[in-house]
Amino acid sequence: MTIPLLLAFWRTWIRPVLVLGITLPLWVILAAIVWWQVDKGSAVKAAVESAIEELVDGAELEAERASNEALRKILAERNRVAERDREALARYADLLAASENEKGDLIDELAELEAMPPPDGCTVDDALLDRLRN
C-alpha cells in the first residue's frame, strides 16, 4: 500500500520538479553536485580543478597585462601633455622677459621726455587750459 502512495507522490510532486523545462533537467544538475561533493579524491576532479586554476590564472595574467598596457598609454599621454606645457611655459617666460625689457626701455624714454624742458614757444590755448583744469 505504501508503494502506490510513493509512486503517486513521485509522479505528482518529485518527478515534475526534477524534470523542469530547463536546458538541462534539474536531476542532472543535482547528480553533478552530489558527484562533486562525494568524489573528492578523483583524478578527474583533480584534473578539472587544475584546468580551472590554469584558466583563472591565465585570465588574471591577461587582465593585468591589459591594465599595465592601459596605464603605460595613460602615462605616455601625460608625459606628452607635460612636455607641451613645459614648452608653452618657456615661451611665456621668454615673452614675459621681453615685455619687461620693453617696459623698462619705455620707462626710461618717458623719464627722458619728462626731464626735457618744454620748447620756448609752447603755449596752450585758454579754452584747452580751462578744460584741463576741470
Foldseek 3Di string as FASTA:
>chain_A
DVVVVVVVCCVPPVVCQQQDPDPDGNVVVVVVVVCCVPPPPDPVNVVVVVVVVVVVVVVVVVVVVVVVVVVVVVVVVVVVVVVVVVVVVVVVVVVVVVVVVVVVVVVVVVVVVVPDDDDPPDDDDPVVVVVVVD
